[in-house]
């Protein structure tokens, strides 16, 4: 039980850090090609703009990471819905089979063959 509690605390801290990183450090980079927005911890300057820049490879990595997280979360949601529907269908089918079995069975005992000699 103690191990589970430590894991739960570690996951909670990880979630809070992730939430803070994605919500508190959201910023935009204005480039000649357009605007790129993303989030990671940084120290803003006086005009509340980031004082850092990224290479083209870093921007590409951030784009791939964001796409993978988005697609992964969508796939996980779809998998959860399909699994839920499968379990519901399985339970409904099983309950119908059981109810039809009991509906066809009678309360009469099977015939017996007793022969006296």
Protein backbone atom coordinates (compact mmCIF):
# COMPACT_ATOMS: atom_id res chain seq x y z
CA UNK A 1 0.00 0.00 0.00
CA UNK A 2 2.88 2.32 0.77
CA UNK A 3 4.34 1.79 -2.74
CA UNK A 4 1.02 2.67 -4.36
CA UNK A 5 0.80 5.86 -2.34
CA UNK A 6 4.28 6.93 -3.45
CA UNK A 7 3.38 6.22 -7.09
CA UNK A 8 0.15 8.21 -6.72
CA UNK A 9 2.00 11.16 -5.21
CA UNK A 10 4.67 11.05 -7.95
CA UNK A 11 2.03 10.93 -10.70
CA UNK A 12 0.12 13.80 -9.08
CA UNK A 13 3.27 15.93 -8.95
CA UNK A 14 4.05 15.04 -12.57
CA UNK A 15 0.53 16.04 -13.64
CA UNK A 16 0.72 19.38 -11.80
CA UNK A 17 4.10 20.13 -13.42
CA UNK A 18 2.72 19.23 -16.86
CA UNK A 19 -0.36 21.39 -16.33
CA UNK A 20 1.74 24.32 -15.16
CA UNK A 21 4.10 23.98 -18.11
CA UNK A 22 1.30 23.91 -20.68
CA UNK A 23 -0.86 26.63 -19.10
CA UNK A 24 1.51 29.05 -17.42
CA UNK A 25 4.31 29.20 -20.00
CA UNK A 26 2.31 29.43 -23.23
CA UNK A 27 4.00 31.84 -25.65
CA UNK A 28 4.36 32.71 -29.33
CA UNK A 29 7.33 33.16 -31.63
CA UNK A 30 6.78 35.63 -34.47
CA UNK A 31 8.68 34.44 -37.55
CA UNK A 32 8.70 35.69 -41.14
CA UNK A 33 6.72 32.59 -42.17
CA UNK A 34 4.08 32.98 -39.45
CA UNK A 35 3.44 32.62 -35.77
CA UNK A 36 4.37 29.51 -33.81
CA UNK A 37 2.81 29.00 -30.40
CA UNK A 38 3.88 26.42 -27.85
CA UNK A 39 4.61 26.09 -24.17
CA UNK A 40 7.62 25.28 -22.05
CA UNK A 41 9.16 26.99 -19.01
CA UNK A 42 10.97 30.23 -19.86
CA UNK A 43 11.74 33.59 -18.31
CA UNK A 44 9.84 36.42 -20.02
CA UNK A 45 11.43 39.75 -20.78
CA UNK A 46 10.05 43.17 -19.85
CA UNK A 47 7.52 43.13 -22.72
CA UNK A 48 6.29 39.65 -21.70
CA UNK A 49 7.82 38.04 -24.79
CA UNK A 50 10.24 35.11 -24.68
CA UNK A 51 13.92 36.03 -24.83
CA UNK A 52 14.89 32.82 -26.51
CA UNK A 53 14.67 31.30 -29.96
CA UNK A 54 14.50 27.83 -31.41
CA UNK A 55 16.15 26.19 -34.37
CA UNK A 56 14.08 24.76 -37.23
CA UNK A 57 14.72 21.24 -35.90
CA UNK A 58 13.42 22.22 -32.44
CA UNK A 59 10.25 23.70 -33.96
CA UNK A 60 9.77 20.52 -35.97
CA UNK A 61 10.29 18.38 -32.88
CA UNK A 62 7.72 20.43 -30.93
CA UNK A 63 5.24 20.03 -33.79
CA UNK A 64 5.76 16.26 -33.95
CA UNK A 65 5.44 15.96 -30.17
CA UNK A 66 2.21 17.97 -30.10
CA UNK A 67 0.74 15.96 -32.99
CA UNK A 68 1.70 12.65 -31.35
CA UNK A 69 0.12 13.68 -28.04
CA UNK A 70 -3.07 14.84 -29.77
CA UNK A 71 -3.42 11.73 -31.94
CA UNK A 72 -2.51 9.47 -29.01
CA UNK A 73 -5.17 11.02 -26.79
CA UNK A 74 -7.77 10.70 -29.56
CA UNK A 75 -6.88 7.04 -30.12
CA UNK A 76 -7.03 6.37 -26.39
CA UNK A 77 -10.49 7.97 -26.22
CA UNK A 78 -11.73 5.94 -29.20
CA UNK A 79 -10.30 2.74 -27.68
CA UNK A 80 -12.08 3.49 -24.39
CA UNK A 81 -15.43 4.05 -26.14
CA UNK A 82 -15.08 0.85 -28.18
CA UNK A 83 -14.10 -1.17 -25.09
CA UNK A 84 -17.06 0.26 -23.15
CA UNK A 85 -19.50 -0.57 -25.97
CA UNK A 86 -18.04 -4.08 -26.25
CA UNK A 87 -18.53 -4.73 -22.52
CA UNK A 88 -22.09 -3.37 -22.62
CA UNK A 89 -22.90 -5.51 -25.67
CA UNK A 90 -21.36 -8.56 -24.01
CA UNK A 91 -23.39 -8.04 -20.81
CA UNK A 92 -26.64 -7.46 -22.72
CA UNK A 93 -26.09 -10.57 -24.86
CA UNK A 94 -25.25 -12.67 -21.81
CA UNK A 95 -28.32 -11.47 -19.90
CA UNK A 96 -30.55 -12.25 -22.92
CA UNK A 97 -29.11 -15.74 -23.20
CA UNK A 98 -29.65 -16.38 -19.49
CA UNK A 99 -33.19 -15.01 -19.53
CA UNK A 100 -34.13 -17.09 -22.59
CA UNK A 101 -32.63 -20.19 -20.93
CA UNK A 102 -34.68 -19.70 -17.79
CA UNK A 103 -37.81 -18.79 -19.74
CA UNK A 104 -37.70 -22.09 -21.68
CA UNK A 105 -36.98 -24.26 -18.71
CA UNK A 106 -39.89 -25.53 -16.72
CA UNK A 107 -40.20 -26.21 -13.02
CA UNK A 108 -41.08 -29.87 -13.58
CA UNK A 109 -38.46 -32.45 -12.68
CA UNK A 110 -37.14 -34.73 -15.42
CA UNK A 111 -39.02 -38.00 -15.85
CA UNK A 112 -37.69 -40.94 -13.95
CA UNK A 113 -37.82 -44.59 -14.87
CA UNK A 114 -38.36 -46.77 -11.85
CA UNK A 115 -38.99 -50.42 -12.54
CA UNK A 116 -40.05 -52.75 -9.85
CA UNK A 117 -39.32 -56.39 -10.24
